[in-house]
């Protein structure tokens, strides 16, 4: 690959990364800390309860 081709490839990759960054930034805005799951173990225990213990679903 010659230098011109390499530069064109790098420019297209940079453009793709910039587009992805914009999408990620847009997606992160509506997510507030209170909407995010804070405790992974607690979430896992809750999911296990619903999956394996019918009394949790009442």
PDB file of N, CA and C in Angstrom:
ATOM      1  N   UNK A   1       0.853  -1.170   0.000  1.00  0.00           N
ATOM      2  CA  UNK A   1       0.000   0.000   0.000  1.00  0.00           C
ATOM      3  C   UNK A   1       0.896   1.229   0.000  1.00  0.00           C
ATOM      4  N   UNK A   2       0.588   2.149  -0.880  1.00  0.00           N
ATOM      5  CA  UNK A   2       1.395   3.368  -0.950  1.00  0.00           C
ATOM      6  C   UNK A   2       0.936   4.362   0.132  1.00  0.00           C
ATOM      7  N   UNK A   3       1.691   5.437   0.269  1.00  0.00           N
ATOM      8  CA  UNK A   3       1.395   6.421   1.315  1.00  0.00           C
ATOM      9  C   UNK A   3       0.036   7.072   1.127  1.00  0.00           C
ATOM     10  N   UNK A   4      -0.336   7.336  -0.116  1.00  0.00           N
ATOM     11  CA  UNK A   4      -1.624   7.983  -0.383  1.00  0.00           C
ATOM     12  C   UNK A   4      -2.771   7.066   0.041  1.00  0.00           C
ATOM     13  N   UNK A   5      -2.644   5.792  -0.282  1.00  0.00           N
ATOM     14  CA  UNK A   5      -3.668   4.824   0.120  1.00  0.00           C
ATOM     15  C   UNK A   5      -3.755   4.683   1.628  1.00  0.00           C
ATOM     16  N   UNK A   6      -2.603   4.695   2.288  1.00  0.00           N
ATOM     17  CA  UNK A   6      -2.582   4.584   3.745  1.00  0.00           C
ATOM     18  C   UNK A   6      -3.220   5.803   4.397  1.00  0.00           C
ATOM     19  N   UNK A   7      -2.938   6.967   3.852  1.00  0.00           N
ATOM     20  CA  UNK A   7      -3.517   8.200   4.391  1.00  0.00           C
ATOM     21  C   UNK A   7      -5.035   8.195   4.197  1.00  0.00           C
ATOM     22  N   UNK A   8      -5.494   7.759   3.048  1.00  0.00           N
ATOM     23  CA  UNK A   8      -6.931   7.689   2.777  1.00  0.00           C
ATOM     24  C   UNK A   8      -7.608   6.712   3.727  1.00  0.00           C
ATOM     25  N   UNK A   9      -6.954   5.579   3.965  1.00  0.00           N
ATOM     26  CA  UNK A   9      -7.499   4.591   4.889  1.00  0.00           C
ATOM     27  C   UNK A   9      -7.579   5.167   6.299  1.00  0.00           C
ATOM     28  N   UNK A  10      -6.528   5.815   6.747  1.00  0.00           N
ATOM     29  CA  UNK A  10      -6.525   6.413   8.083  1.00  0.00           C
ATOM     30  C   UNK A  10      -7.602   7.488   8.223  1.00  0.00           C
ATOM     31  N   UNK A  11      -7.793   8.281   7.169  1.00  0.00           N
ATOM     32  CA  UNK A  11      -8.830   9.310   7.199  1.00  0.00           C
ATOM     33  C   UNK A  11     -10.224   8.693   7.299  1.00  0.00           C
ATOM     34  N   UNK A  12     -10.453   7.605   6.597  1.00  0.00           N
ATOM     35  CA  UNK A  12     -11.766   6.966   6.664  1.00  0.00           C
ATOM     36  C   UNK A  12     -11.992   6.319   8.027  1.00  0.00           C
ATOM     37  N   UNK A  13     -10.943   5.755   8.609  1.00  0.00           N
ATOM     38  CA  UNK A  13     -11.056   5.180   9.952  1.00  0.00           C
ATOM     39  C   UNK A  13     -11.341   6.282  10.967  1.00  0.00           C
ATOM     40  N   UNK A  14     -10.654   7.405  10.842  1.00  0.00           N
ATOM     41  CA  UNK A  14     -10.882   8.532  11.744  1.00  0.00           C
ATOM     42  C   UNK A  14     -12.316   9.041  11.623  1.00  0.00           C
ATOM     43  N   UNK A  15     -12.818   9.117  10.422  1.00  0.00           N
ATOM     44  CA  UNK A  15     -14.200   9.550  10.202  1.00  0.00           C
ATOM     45  C   UNK A  15     -15.171   8.583  10.872  1.00  0.00           C
ATOM     46  N   UNK A  16     -14.906   7.292  10.754  1.00  0.00           N
ATOM     47  CA  UNK A  16     -15.769   6.290  11.385  1.00  0.00           C
ATOM     48  C   UNK A  16     -15.729   6.419  12.906  1.00  0.00           C
ATOM     49  N   UNK A  17     -14.542   6.642  13.463  1.00  0.00           N
ATOM     50  CA  UNK A  17     -14.426   6.810  14.918  1.00  0.00           C
ATOM     51  C   UNK A  17     -15.156   8.062  15.390  1.00  0.00           C
ATOM     52  N   UNK A  18     -15.059   9.135  14.644  1.00  0.00           N
ATOM     53  CA  UNK A  18     -15.756  10.366  15.016  1.00  0.00           C
ATOM     54  C   UNK A  18     -17.266  10.167  14.995  1.00  0.00           C
ATOM     55  N   UNK A  19     -17.766   9.449  14.011  1.00  0.00           N
ATOM     56  CA  UNK A  19     -19.200   9.160  13.929  1.00  0.00           C
ATOM     57  C   UNK A  19     -19.638   8.294  15.106  1.00  0.00           C
ATOM     58  N   UNK A  20     -18.827   7.290  15.440  1.00  0.00           N
ATOM     59  CA  UNK A  20     -19.146   6.424  16.577  1.00  0.00           C
ATOM     60  C   UNK A  20     -19.144   7.214  17.881  1.00  0.00           C
ATOM     61  N   UNK A  21     -18.191   8.127  18.025  1.00  0.00           N
ATOM     62  CA  UNK A  21     -18.125   8.941  19.234  1.00  0.00           C
ATOM     63  C   UNK A  21     -19.377   9.805  19.378  1.00  0.00           C
ATOM     64  N   UNK A  22     -19.849  10.377  18.279  1.00  0.00           N
ATOM     65  CA  UNK A  22     -21.077  11.177  18.320  1.00  0.00           C
ATOM     66  C   UNK A  22     -22.265  10.328  18.749  1.00  0.00           C
ATOM     67  N   UNK A  23     -22.367   9.120  18.193  1.00  0.00           N
ATOM     68  CA  UNK A  23     -23.471   8.231  18.559  1.00  0.00           C
ATOM     69  C   UNK A  23     -23.408   7.837  20.028  1.00  0.00           C
ATOM     70  N   UNK A  24     -22.216   7.527  20.510  1.00  0.00           N
ATOM     71  CA  UNK A  24     -22.068   7.154  21.919  1.00  0.00           C
ATOM     72  C   UNK A  24     -22.397   8.315  22.844  1.00  0.00           C
ATOM     73  N   UNK A  25     -21.972   9.506  22.482  1.00  0.00           N
ATOM     74  CA  UNK A  25     -22.268  10.681  23.290  1.00  0.00           C
ATOM     75  C   UNK A  25     -23.770  10.909  23.343  1.00  0.00           C
ATOM     76  N   UNK A  26     -24.431  10.770  22.215  1.00  0.00           N
ATOM     77  CA  UNK A  26     -25.883  10.936  22.168  1.00  0.00           C
ATOM     78  C   UNK A  26     -26.583   9.877  23.016  1.00  0.00           C
ATOM     79  N   UNK A  27     -26.096   8.662  22.998  1.00  0.00           N
ATOM     80  CA  UNK A  27     -26.714   7.583  23.759  1.00  0.00           C
ATOM     81  C   UNK A  27     -26.497   7.747  25.254  1.00  0.00           C
ATOM     82  N   UNK A  28     -25.391   8.342  25.676  1.00  0.00           N
ATOM     83  CA  UNK A  28     -25.081   8.473  27.092  1.00  0.00           C
ATOM     84  C   UNK A  28     -25.886   9.575  27.763  1.00  0.00           C
ATOM     85  N   UNK A  29     -26.340  10.557  27.034  1.00  0.00           N
ATOM     86  CA  UNK A  29     -27.030  11.697  27.629  1.00  0.00           C
ATOM     87  C   UNK A  29     -28.263  11.276  28.428  1.00  0.00           C
ATOM     88  N   UNK A  30     -29.164  10.426  27.883  1.00  0.00           N
ATOM     89  CA  UNK A  30     -30.363  10.096  28.654  1.00  0.00           C
ATOM     90  C   UNK A  30     -30.108   9.185  29.862  1.00  0.00           C
ATOM     91  N   UNK A  31     -28.931   8.617  29.950  1.00  0.00           N
ATOM     92  CA  UNK A  31     -28.642   7.710  31.057  1.00  0.00           C
ATOM     93  C   UNK A  31     -28.148   8.497  32.262  1.00  0.00           C
ATOM     94  N   UNK A  32     -28.956   8.569  33.270  1.00  0.00           N
ATOM     95  CA  UNK A  32     -28.532   9.228  34.496  1.00  0.00           C
ATOM     96  C   UNK A  32     -28.084   8.154  35.488  1.00  0.00           C
ATOM     97  N   UNK A  33     -27.292   8.519  36.477  1.00  0.00           N
ATOM     98  CA  UNK A  33     -26.803   7.520  37.443  1.00  0.00           C
ATOM     99  C   UNK A  33     -27.926   6.772  38.148  1.00  0.00           C
ATOM    100  N   UNK A  34     -29.063   7.421  38.406  1.00  0.00           N
ATOM    101  CA  UNK A  34     -30.134   6.702  39.102  1.00  0.00           C
ATOM    102  C   UNK A  34     -30.786   5.646  38.216  1.00  0.00           C
ATOM    103  N   UNK A  35     -30.632   5.768  36.894  1.00  0.00           N
ATOM    104  CA  UNK A  35     -31.187   4.774  35.982  1.00  0.00           C
ATOM    105  C   UNK A  35     -30.239   3.604  35.743  1.00  0.00           C
ATOM    106  N   UNK A  36     -28.993   3.772  36.094  1.00  0.00           N
ATOM    107  CA  UNK A  36     -28.014   2.716  35.873  1.00  0.00           C
ATOM    108  C   UNK A  36     -28.025   1.727  37.030  1.00  0.00           C
ATOM    109  N   UNK A  37     -27.689   0.505  36.741  1.00  0.00           N
ATOM    110  CA  UNK A  37     -27.593  -0.499  37.797  1.00  0.00           C
ATOM    111  C   UNK A  37     -26.311  -0.271  38.577  1.00  0.00           C
ATOM    112  N   UNK A  38     -26.446  -0.043  39.871  1.00  0.00           N
ATOM    113  CA  UNK A  38     -25.278   0.309  40.667  1.00  0.00           C
ATOM    114  C   UNK A  38     -24.557  -0.902  41.235  1.00  0.00           C
ATOM    115  N   UNK A  39     -25.289  -1.880  41.617  1.00  0.00           N
ATOM    116  CA  UNK A  39     -24.659  -3.010  42.302  1.00  0.00           C
ATOM    117  C   UNK A  39     -24.875  -4.284  41.498  1.00  0.00           C
ATOM    118  N   UNK A  40     -23.816  -4.789  40.916  1.00  0.00           N
ATOM    119  CA  UNK A  40     -23.921  -5.967  40.045  1.00  0.00           C
ATOM    120  C   UNK A  40     -24.379  -7.189  40.828  1.00  0.00           C
ATOM    121  N   UNK A  41     -23.854  -7.382  42.023  1.00  0.00           N
ATOM    122  CA  UNK A  41     -24.248  -8.560  42.812  1.00  0.00           C
ATOM    123  C   UNK A  41     -25.723  -8.497  43.186  1.00  0.00           C
ATOM    124  N   UNK A  42     -26.192  -7.325  43.561  1.00  0.00           N
ATOM    125  CA  UNK A  42     -27.606  -7.168  43.913  1.00  0.00           C
ATOM    126  C   UNK A  42     -28.485  -7.463  42.701  1.00  0.00           C
ATOM    127  N   UNK A  43     -28.084  -6.982  41.552  1.00  0.00           N
ATOM    128  CA  UNK A  43     -28.838  -7.225  40.328  1.00  0.00           C
ATOM    129  C   UNK A  43     -28.848  -8.712  39.995  1.00  0.00           C
ATOM    130  N   UNK A  44     -27.691  -9.346  40.137  1.00  0.00           N
ATOM    131  CA  UNK A  44     -27.601 -10.784  39.877  1.00  0.00           C
ATOM    132  C   UNK A  44     -28.471 -11.584  40.825  1.00  0.00           C
ATOM    133  N   UNK A  45     -28.471 -11.206  42.101  1.00  0.00           N
ATOM    134  CA  UNK A  45     -29.292 -11.901  43.094  1.00  0.00           C
ATOM    135  C   UNK A  45     -30.774 -11.720  42.782  1.00  0.00           C
ATOM    136  N   UNK A  46     -31.154 -10.521  42.373  1.00  0.00           N
ATOM    137  CA  UNK A  46     -32.553 -10.257  42.027  1.00  0.00           C
ATOM    138  C   UNK A  46     -32.969 -11.079  40.815  1.00  0.00           C
ATOM    139  N   UNK A  47     -32.130 -11.121  39.798  1.00  0.00           N
ATOM    140  CA  UNK A  47     -32.442 -11.913  38.607  1.00  0.00           C
ATOM    141  C   UNK A  47     -32.529 -13.397  38.934  1.00  0.00           C
ATOM    142  N   UNK A  48     -31.623 -13.892  39.777  1.00  0.00           N
ATOM    143  CA  UNK A  48     -31.672 -15.296  40.193  1.00  0.00           C
ATOM    144  C   UNK A  48     -32.969 -15.587  40.940  1.00  0.00           C
ATOM    145  N   UNK A  49     -33.359 -14.656  41.793  1.00  0.00           N
ATOM    146  CA  UNK A  49     -34.586 -14.835  42.557  1.00  0.00           C
ATOM    147  C   UNK A  49     -35.783 -14.974  41.618  1.00  0.00           C
ATOM    148  N   UNK A  50     -35.890 -14.087  40.650  1.00  0.00           N
ATOM    149  CA  UNK A  50     -37.001 -14.162  39.711  1.00  0.00           C
ATOM    150  C   UNK A  50     -36.937 -15.408  38.833  1.00  0.00           C
ATOM    151  N   UNK A  51     -35.744 -15.864  38.542  1.00  0.00           N
ATOM    152  CA  UNK A  51     -35.594 -17.026  37.663  1.00  0.00           C
ATOM    153  C   UNK A  51     -35.875 -18.335  38.384  1.00  0.00           C
ATOM    154  N   UNK A  52     -35.463 -18.413  39.673  1.00  0.00           N
ATOM    155  CA  UNK A  52     -35.498 -19.702  40.358  1.00  0.00           C
ATOM    156  C   UNK A  52     -36.463 -19.775  41.524  1.00  0.00           C
ATOM    157  N   UNK A  53     -37.022 -18.656  41.974  1.00  0.00           N
ATOM    158  CA  UNK A  53     -37.902 -18.667  43.153  1.00  0.00           C
ATOM    159  C   UNK A  53     -39.230 -18.030  42.776  1.00  0.00           C
ATOM    160  N   UNK A  54     -40.261 -18.840  42.563  1.00  0.00           N
ATOM    161  CA  UNK A  54     -41.562 -18.291  42.145  1.00  0.00           C
ATOM    162  C   UNK A  54     -42.151 -17.288  43.148  1.00  0.00           C
ATOM    163  N   UNK A  55     -41.807 -17.388  44.414  1.00  0.00           N
ATOM    164  CA  UNK A  55     -42.378 -16.474  45.412  1.00  0.00           C
ATOM    165  C   UNK A  55     -41.906 -15.038  45.214  1.00  0.00           C
ATOM    166  N   UNK A  56     -40.789 -14.836  44.517  1.00  0.00           N
ATOM    167  CA  UNK A  56     -40.288 -13.479  44.249  1.00  0.00           C
ATOM    168  C   UNK A  56     -41.174 -12.749  43.248  1.00  0.00           C
ATOM    169  N   UNK A  57     -41.896 -13.501  42.460  1.00  0.00           N
ATOM    170  CA  UNK A  57     -42.668 -12.895  41.386  1.00  0.00           C
ATOM    171  C   UNK A  57     -44.051 -12.433  41.855  1.00  0.00           C
ATOM    172  N   UNK A  58     -44.369 -12.672  43.088  1.00  0.00           N
ATOM    173  CA  UNK A  58     -45.689 -12.254  43.598  1.00  0.00           C
ATOM    174  C   UNK A  58     -45.702 -10.822  44.005  1.00  0.00           C
TER     175      UNK A  58
END
